């Protein structure tokens, strides 16, 4: 079973679009692929009498394996804000074991699981847990989504260094062109290719209506 954890340089870097595109790329080689939004903050009606997060709905649409909501989104918090605050407002505490149990059940059913984080690498889930702690507990290789905009070089290097310091491998990175007016994006891309020390998996173009089908992936050979 193939698994990876998708994080971003910050909120709005394009993690969900990248995760959906990654799922579609994996589906070209594997029959049962599924996305997991481990912790989601912000809920809306899903059209089936339940509540869901918009990122989770996008991941479900890009997956080939349909699973129970408790498995692909074990923690759903109503308010769209930092998860630790959303959890406090909901009167709950985010803990690792329900998430790890859901992941184990997904891994038992799927050929590939893409776990999307929330916000950036050190976003808090509680007073004692962060997204980084979750990734470490899952023991998955990490894919870093770099939102290409002014300041992304610093954010990308800080995040890559933090991922490696946690002991997890940086499997690759995805360029996400979130700012159509960014100056010299190619020069920034060239610098990141030289300095990140991980392969570029995809270059996601700017889109007024984001569509994961517009991505071309170069997957690590061990994921094929």
C-alpha atoms as a PDB file:
ATOM      1  CA  UNK A   1       0.000   0.000   0.000  1.00  0.00           C
ATOM      2  CA  UNK A   2       1.248   3.463  -0.934  1.00  0.00           C
ATOM      3  CA  UNK A   3       0.715   6.328   1.471  1.00  0.00           C
ATOM      4  CA  UNK A   4       1.835   9.925   1.675  1.00  0.00           C
ATOM      5  CA  UNK A   5       1.109  13.034   3.715  1.00  0.00           C
ATOM      6  CA  UNK A   6       0.499  16.323   1.897  1.00  0.00           C
ATOM      7  CA  UNK A   7       1.413  19.559   3.657  1.00  0.00           C
ATOM      8  CA  UNK A   8       1.806  23.112   2.444  1.00  0.00           C
ATOM      9  CA  UNK A   9       3.912  26.189   2.930  1.00  0.00           C
ATOM     10  CA  UNK A  10       0.849  27.879   4.426  1.00  0.00           C
ATOM     11  CA  UNK A  11      -2.937  28.081   4.259  1.00  0.00           C
ATOM     12  CA  UNK A  12      -4.048  28.665   0.694  1.00  0.00           C
ATOM     13  CA  UNK A  13      -0.989  27.039  -0.858  1.00  0.00           C
ATOM     14  CA  UNK A  14      -3.179  24.691  -2.887  1.00  0.00           C
ATOM     15  CA  UNK A  15      -2.956  21.467  -0.864  1.00  0.00           C
ATOM     16  CA  UNK A  16      -6.412  20.227  -1.794  1.00  0.00           C
ATOM     17  CA  UNK A  17      -5.974  20.816  -5.523  1.00  0.00           C
ATOM     18  CA  UNK A  18      -2.554  19.149  -5.326  1.00  0.00           C
ATOM     19  CA  UNK A  19      -3.915  16.220  -3.310  1.00  0.00           C
ATOM     20  CA  UNK A  20      -6.744  15.691  -5.793  1.00  0.00           C
ATOM     21  CA  UNK A  21      -4.328  15.834  -8.718  1.00  0.00           C
ATOM     22  CA  UNK A  22      -2.045  13.373  -6.935  1.00  0.00           C
ATOM     23  CA  UNK A  23      -4.968  10.999  -6.394  1.00  0.00           C
ATOM     24  CA  UNK A  24      -5.787  11.138 -10.094  1.00  0.00           C
ATOM     25  CA  UNK A  25      -2.167  10.487 -11.009  1.00  0.00           C
ATOM     26  CA  UNK A  26      -2.036   7.486  -8.673  1.00  0.00           C
ATOM     27  CA  UNK A  27      -5.323   6.192 -10.096  1.00  0.00           C
ATOM     28  CA  UNK A  28      -3.599   5.747 -13.450  1.00  0.00           C
ATOM     29  CA  UNK A  29      -1.478   3.023 -11.823  1.00  0.00           C
ATOM     30  CA  UNK A  30      -3.645   1.727  -8.954  1.00  0.00           C
ATOM     31  CA  UNK A  31      -7.293   0.724  -8.854  1.00  0.00           C
ATOM     32  CA  UNK A  32      -8.224   1.716  -5.294  1.00  0.00           C
ATOM     33  CA  UNK A  33      -7.035   5.199  -4.316  1.00  0.00           C
ATOM     34  CA  UNK A  34      -8.566   7.307  -1.587  1.00  0.00           C
ATOM     35  CA  UNK A  35      -7.995  10.723  -0.066  1.00  0.00           C
ATOM     36  CA  UNK A  36      -8.148  11.438   3.649  1.00  0.00           C
ATOM     37  CA  UNK A  37      -8.706  14.820   5.284  1.00  0.00           C
ATOM     38  CA  UNK A  38      -7.597  13.814   8.747  1.00  0.00           C
ATOM     39  CA  UNK A  39      -8.697  17.041  10.447  1.00  0.00           C
ATOM     40  CA  UNK A  40     -11.062  19.486   8.762  1.00  0.00           C
ATOM     41  CA  UNK A  41     -12.212  22.813  10.175  1.00  0.00           C
ATOM     42  CA  UNK A  42     -15.307  24.246   8.507  1.00  0.00           C
ATOM     43  CA  UNK A  43     -18.425  22.307   7.538  1.00  0.00           C
ATOM     44  CA  UNK A  44     -21.252  22.719   5.045  1.00  0.00           C
ATOM     45  CA  UNK A  45     -24.226  20.547   3.974  1.00  0.00           C
ATOM     46  CA  UNK A  46     -23.062  17.734   1.688  1.00  0.00           C
ATOM     47  CA  UNK A  47     -26.367  17.393  -0.152  1.00  0.00           C
ATOM     48  CA  UNK A  48     -27.094  14.034   1.483  1.00  0.00           C
ATOM     49  CA  UNK A  49     -28.418  15.244   4.807  1.00  0.00           C
ATOM     50  CA  UNK A  50     -25.010  15.386   6.466  1.00  0.00           C
ATOM     51  CA  UNK A  51     -22.249  17.930   6.963  1.00  0.00           C
ATOM     52  CA  UNK A  52     -18.844  17.846   5.303  1.00  0.00           C
ATOM     53  CA  UNK A  53     -15.811  19.981   4.662  1.00  0.00           C
ATOM     54  CA  UNK A  54     -15.298  21.303   1.122  1.00  0.00           C
ATOM     55  CA  UNK A  55     -11.754  19.890   0.984  1.00  0.00           C
ATOM     56  CA  UNK A  56     -13.069  16.478   1.982  1.00  0.00           C
ATOM     57  CA  UNK A  57     -15.729  16.627  -0.734  1.00  0.00           C
ATOM     58  CA  UNK A  58     -13.061  17.436  -3.320  1.00  0.00           C
ATOM     59  CA  UNK A  59     -10.905  14.527  -2.161  1.00  0.00           C
ATOM     60  CA  UNK A  60     -13.880  12.172  -2.351  1.00  0.00           C
ATOM     61  CA  UNK A  61     -14.589  13.279  -5.913  1.00  0.00           C
ATOM     62  CA  UNK A  62     -10.970  12.532  -6.887  1.00  0.00           C
ATOM     63  CA  UNK A  63     -10.894   9.127  -5.157  1.00  0.00           C
ATOM     64  CA  UNK A  64     -11.790   5.821  -6.785  1.00  0.00           C
ATOM     65  CA  UNK A  65     -12.633   4.148  -3.471  1.00  0.00           C
ATOM     66  CA  UNK A  66     -15.733   5.285  -1.556  1.00  0.00           C
ATOM     67  CA  UNK A  67     -15.516   4.872   2.212  1.00  0.00           C
ATOM     68  CA  UNK A  68     -17.475   5.887   5.295  1.00  0.00           C
ATOM     69  CA  UNK A  69     -17.116   9.575   6.264  1.00  0.00           C
ATOM     70  CA  UNK A  70     -15.666   8.533   9.613  1.00  0.00           C
ATOM     71  CA  UNK A  71     -12.706   7.044   7.769  1.00  0.00           C
ATOM     72  CA  UNK A  72     -11.806   9.719   5.213  1.00  0.00           C
ATOM     73  CA  UNK A  73     -12.548  12.601   7.622  1.00  0.00           C
ATOM     74  CA  UNK A  74     -12.357  11.331  11.204  1.00  0.00           C
ATOM     75  CA  UNK A  75     -12.244  14.835  12.724  1.00  0.00           C
ATOM     76  CA  UNK A  76     -14.748  17.374  11.380  1.00  0.00           C
ATOM     77  CA  UNK A  77     -14.975  20.684  13.223  1.00  0.00           C
ATOM     78  CA  UNK A  78     -17.772  23.160  12.428  1.00  0.00           C
ATOM     79  CA  UNK A  79     -15.901  26.477  12.368  1.00  0.00           C
ATOM     80  CA  UNK A  80     -13.420  27.484   9.612  1.00  0.00           C
ATOM     81  CA  UNK A  81     -10.450  28.497  11.747  1.00  0.00           C
ATOM     82  CA  UNK A  82      -7.287  27.048  13.230  1.00  0.00           C
ATOM     83  CA  UNK A  83      -8.170  23.483  14.284  1.00  0.00           C
ATOM     84  CA  UNK A  84      -7.180  23.908  17.914  1.00  0.00           C
ATOM     85  CA  UNK A  85      -9.521  26.899  18.284  1.00  0.00           C
ATOM     86  CA  UNK A  86     -12.296  25.218  16.292  1.00  0.00           C
ATOM     87  CA  UNK A  87     -11.985  22.174  18.566  1.00  0.00           C
ATOM     88  CA  UNK A  88     -12.157  24.336  21.697  1.00  0.00           C
ATOM     89  CA  UNK A  89     -15.285  26.049  20.385  1.00  0.00           C
ATOM     90  CA  UNK A  90     -16.830  22.656  19.621  1.00  0.00           C
ATOM     91  CA  UNK A  91     -15.966  21.344  23.079  1.00  0.00           C
ATOM     92  CA  UNK A  92     -13.773  18.534  21.801  1.00  0.00           C
ATOM     93  CA  UNK A  93     -10.086  17.668  21.890  1.00  0.00           C
ATOM     94  CA  UNK A  94      -8.272  16.367  18.841  1.00  0.00           C
ATOM     95  CA  UNK A  95      -6.340  13.200  19.674  1.00  0.00           C
ATOM     96  CA  UNK A  96      -4.255  10.941  17.494  1.00  0.00           C
ATOM     97  CA  UNK A  97      -5.725   7.478  18.047  1.00  0.00           C
ATOM     98  CA  UNK A  98      -9.061   7.934  16.193  1.00  0.00           C
ATOM     99  CA  UNK A  99      -7.154   9.362  13.223  1.00  0.00           C
ATOM    100  CA  UNK A 100      -4.580   6.582  13.249  1.00  0.00           C
ATOM    101  CA  UNK A 101      -7.321   3.961  13.508  1.00  0.00           C
ATOM    102  CA  UNK A 102      -9.168   5.490  10.524  1.00  0.00           C
ATOM    103  CA  UNK A 103      -5.950   5.523   8.516  1.00  0.00           C
ATOM    104  CA  UNK A 104      -5.248   1.874   9.324  1.00  0.00           C
ATOM    105  CA  UNK A 105      -8.719   0.947   8.086  1.00  0.00           C
ATOM    106  CA  UNK A 106      -8.216   2.931   4.885  1.00  0.00           C
ATOM    107  CA  UNK A 107      -4.824   1.327   4.326  1.00  0.00           C
ATOM    108  CA  UNK A 108      -6.401  -2.112   4.671  1.00  0.00           C
ATOM    109  CA  UNK A 109      -8.849  -1.336   1.844  1.00  0.00           C
ATOM    110  CA  UNK A 110      -6.820   0.825  -0.554  1.00  0.00           C
ATOM    111  CA  UNK A 111      -3.863   0.556  -2.884  1.00  0.00           C
ATOM    112  CA  UNK A 112      -2.937   4.201  -2.186  1.00  0.00           C
ATOM    113  CA  UNK A 113      -3.938   6.721   0.492  1.00  0.00           C
ATOM    114  CA  UNK A 114      -3.242  10.457   0.239  1.00  0.00           C
ATOM    115  CA  UNK A 115      -3.581  12.192   3.605  1.00  0.00           C
ATOM    116  CA  UNK A 116      -4.033  15.959   3.411  1.00  0.00           C
ATOM    117  CA  UNK A 117      -3.009  18.087   6.368  1.00  0.00           C
ATOM    118  CA  UNK A 118      -4.540  21.365   7.515  1.00  0.00           C
ATOM    119  CA  UNK A 119      -2.747  24.643   6.902  1.00  0.00           C
ATOM    120  CA  UNK A 120       1.013  24.460   7.281  1.00  0.00           C
ATOM    121  CA  UNK A 121       3.363  22.000   8.955  1.00  0.00           C
ATOM    122  CA  UNK A 122       3.142  23.385  12.497  1.00  0.00           C
ATOM    123  CA  UNK A 123      -0.567  24.243  12.642  1.00  0.00           C
ATOM    124  CA  UNK A 124      -1.800  23.298  16.127  1.00  0.00           C
ATOM    125  CA  UNK A 125      -4.467  20.640  16.588  1.00  0.00           C
ATOM    126  CA  UNK A 126      -4.579  21.032  20.370  1.00  0.00           C
ATOM    127  CA  UNK A 127      -2.445  22.487  23.120  1.00  0.00           C
ATOM    128  CA  UNK A 128      -0.092  19.530  22.767  1.00  0.00           C
ATOM    129  CA  UNK A 129      -0.475  18.331  19.148  1.00  0.00           C
ATOM    130  CA  UNK A 130       0.375  19.788  15.754  1.00  0.00           C
ATOM    131  CA  UNK A 131       0.031  18.689  12.136  1.00  0.00           C
ATOM    132  CA  UNK A 132       3.692  17.667  12.320  1.00  0.00           C
ATOM    133  CA  UNK A 133       2.921  15.346  15.253  1.00  0.00           C
ATOM    134  CA  UNK A 134       0.153  13.742  13.217  1.00  0.00           C
ATOM    135  CA  UNK A 135       2.432  13.177  10.233  1.00  0.00           C
ATOM    136  CA  UNK A 136       5.103  11.655  12.457  1.00  0.00           C
ATOM    137  CA  UNK A 137       2.547   9.358  14.086  1.00  0.00           C
ATOM    138  CA  UNK A 138       1.415   8.198  10.631  1.00  0.00           C
ATOM    139  CA  UNK A 139       5.043   7.665   9.557  1.00  0.00           C
ATOM    140  CA  UNK A 140       4.359   8.653   5.967  1.00  0.00           C
ATOM    141  CA  UNK A 141       6.622  10.299   3.407  1.00  0.00           C
ATOM    142  CA  UNK A 142       5.715  13.949   2.964  1.00  0.00           C
ATOM    143  CA  UNK A 143       4.812  15.871  -0.177  1.00  0.00           C
ATOM    144  CA  UNK A 144       5.256  19.637   0.172  1.00  0.00           C
ATOM    145  CA  UNK A 145       2.969  21.977  -1.766  1.00  0.00           C
ATOM    146  CA  UNK A 146       4.717  25.292  -2.367  1.00  0.00           C
ATOM    147  CA  UNK A 147       2.328  28.161  -3.042  1.00  0.00           C
ATOM    148  CA  UNK A 148       4.282  30.245  -5.540  1.00  0.00           C
ATOM    149  CA  UNK A 149       4.077  33.848  -4.381  1.00  0.00           C
ATOM    150  CA  UNK A 150       6.317  36.453  -2.826  1.00  0.00           C
ATOM    151  CA  UNK A 151       7.895  34.905   0.284  1.00  0.00           C
ATOM    152  CA  UNK A 152       7.562  31.305  -0.868  1.00  0.00           C
ATOM    153  CA  UNK A 153      11.298  30.603  -0.903  1.00  0.00           C
ATOM    154  CA  UNK A 154      11.614  31.257   2.817  1.00  0.00           C
ATOM    155  CA  UNK A 155       8.413  29.338   3.608  1.00  0.00           C
ATOM    156  CA  UNK A 156       9.464  26.398   1.462  1.00  0.00           C
ATOM    157  CA  UNK A 157      12.926  26.050   2.988  1.00  0.00           C
ATOM    158  CA  UNK A 158      11.685  26.454   6.571  1.00  0.00           C
ATOM    159  CA  UNK A 159       9.031  23.795   6.002  1.00  0.00           C
ATOM    160  CA  UNK A 160      11.384  21.386   4.222  1.00  0.00           C
ATOM    161  CA  UNK A 161      13.923  21.734   7.040  1.00  0.00           C
ATOM    162  CA  UNK A 162      11.223  21.120   9.667  1.00  0.00           C
ATOM    163  CA  UNK A 163       9.966  18.024   7.826  1.00  0.00           C
ATOM    164  CA  UNK A 164      13.441  16.546   7.690  1.00  0.00           C
ATOM    165  CA  UNK A 165      14.106  17.465  11.326  1.00  0.00           C
ATOM    166  CA  UNK A 166      11.036  15.426  12.274  1.00  0.00           C
ATOM    167  CA  UNK A 167      12.696  12.340  10.774  1.00  0.00           C
ATOM    168  CA  UNK A 168      10.260  11.971   7.879  1.00  0.00           C
ATOM    169  CA  UNK A 169      11.417  11.836   4.258  1.00  0.00           C
ATOM    170  CA  UNK A 170      10.474  14.649   1.881  1.00  0.00           C
ATOM    171  CA  UNK A 171       9.255  12.563  -1.045  1.00  0.00           C
ATOM    172  CA  UNK A 172       8.883  15.540  -3.352  1.00  0.00           C
ATOM    173  CA  UNK A 173       7.310  18.928  -3.831  1.00  0.00           C
ATOM    174  CA  UNK A 174       4.538  20.407  -5.935  1.00  0.00           C
ATOM    175  CA  UNK A 175       4.620  23.923  -7.339  1.00  0.00           C
ATOM    176  CA  UNK A 176       1.236  25.594  -6.996  1.00  0.00           C
ATOM    177  CA  UNK A 177       0.907  28.844  -8.960  1.00  0.00           C
ATOM    178  CA  UNK A 178      -1.491  30.606  -6.608  1.00  0.00           C
ATOM    179  CA  UNK A 179      -0.569  34.158  -7.654  1.00  0.00           C
ATOM    180  CA  UNK A 180      -1.047  34.908 -11.364  1.00  0.00           C
ATOM    181  CA  UNK A 181       0.696  38.274 -10.894  1.00  0.00           C
ATOM    182  CA  UNK A 182       3.821  36.911  -9.234  1.00  0.00           C
ATOM    183  CA  UNK A 183       6.992  38.414 -10.657  1.00  0.00           C
ATOM    184  CA  UNK A 184       9.747  36.085 -11.945  1.00  0.00           C
ATOM    185  CA  UNK A 185       8.052  32.784 -11.006  1.00  0.00           C
ATOM    186  CA  UNK A 186      10.415  30.737 -13.180  1.00  0.00           C
ATOM    187  CA  UNK A 187      13.449  32.126 -11.366  1.00  0.00           C
ATOM    188  CA  UNK A 188      11.841  31.153  -8.079  1.00  0.00           C
ATOM    189  CA  UNK A 189      11.125  27.682  -9.461  1.00  0.00           C
ATOM    190  CA  UNK A 190      14.720  27.256 -10.586  1.00  0.00           C
ATOM    191  CA  UNK A 191      15.991  28.202  -7.137  1.00  0.00           C
ATOM    192  CA  UNK A 192      13.632  25.727  -5.448  1.00  0.00           C
ATOM    193  CA  UNK A 193      14.705  22.944  -7.814  1.00  0.00           C
ATOM    194  CA  UNK A 194      18.312  23.495  -6.750  1.00  0.00           C
ATOM    195  CA  UNK A 195      17.760  24.017  -3.025  1.00  0.00           C
ATOM    196  CA  UNK A 196      14.876  21.859  -1.813  1.00  0.00           C
ATOM    197  CA  UNK A 197      16.752  18.597  -2.344  1.00  0.00           C
ATOM    198  CA  UNK A 198      13.645  16.714  -3.430  1.00  0.00           C
ATOM    199  CA  UNK A 199      12.094  16.034  -6.839  1.00  0.00           C
ATOM    200  CA  UNK A 200       9.488  18.308  -8.371  1.00  0.00           C
ATOM    201  CA  UNK A 201       6.415  16.088  -8.790  1.00  0.00           C
ATOM    202  CA  UNK A 202       4.099  18.548 -10.543  1.00  0.00           C
ATOM    203  CA  UNK A 203       3.699  22.172 -11.602  1.00  0.00           C
ATOM    204  CA  UNK A 204       0.077  23.224 -11.069  1.00  0.00           C
ATOM    205  CA  UNK A 205      -0.930  26.157 -13.277  1.00  0.00           C
ATOM    206  CA  UNK A 206      -2.977  29.133 -12.124  1.00  0.00           C
ATOM    207  CA  UNK A 207      -6.659  28.423 -12.767  1.00  0.00           C
ATOM    208  CA  UNK A 208      -9.679  30.633 -12.187  1.00  0.00           C
ATOM    209  CA  UNK A 209     -11.661  27.404 -11.728  1.00  0.00           C
ATOM    210  CA  UNK A 210      -9.222  24.905 -10.170  1.00  0.00           C
ATOM    211  CA  UNK A 211      -9.315  21.535 -11.898  1.00  0.00           C
ATOM    212  CA  UNK A 212      -6.918  18.735 -10.848  1.00  0.00           C
ATOM    213  CA  UNK A 213      -7.077  17.237 -14.358  1.00  0.00           C
ATOM    214  CA  UNK A 214      -4.803  20.033 -15.587  1.00  0.00           C
ATOM    215  CA  UNK A 215      -1.778  18.645 -13.721  1.00  0.00           C
ATOM    216  CA  UNK A 216       1.020  16.493 -15.130  1.00  0.00           C
ATOM    217  CA  UNK A 217       2.752  14.369 -12.506  1.00  0.00           C
ATOM    218  CA  UNK A 218       6.109  12.672 -12.332  1.00  0.00           C
ATOM    219  CA  UNK A 219       5.508  10.141  -9.598  1.00  0.00           C
ATOM    220  CA  UNK A 220       8.332   8.544  -7.592  1.00  0.00           C
ATOM    221  CA  UNK A 221       9.089   5.156  -9.130  1.00  0.00           C
ATOM    222  CA  UNK A 222       8.244   3.377  -5.888  1.00  0.00           C
ATOM    223  CA  UNK A 223       4.663   4.689  -6.202  1.00  0.00           C
ATOM    224  CA  UNK A 224       4.088   3.197  -9.635  1.00  0.00           C
END
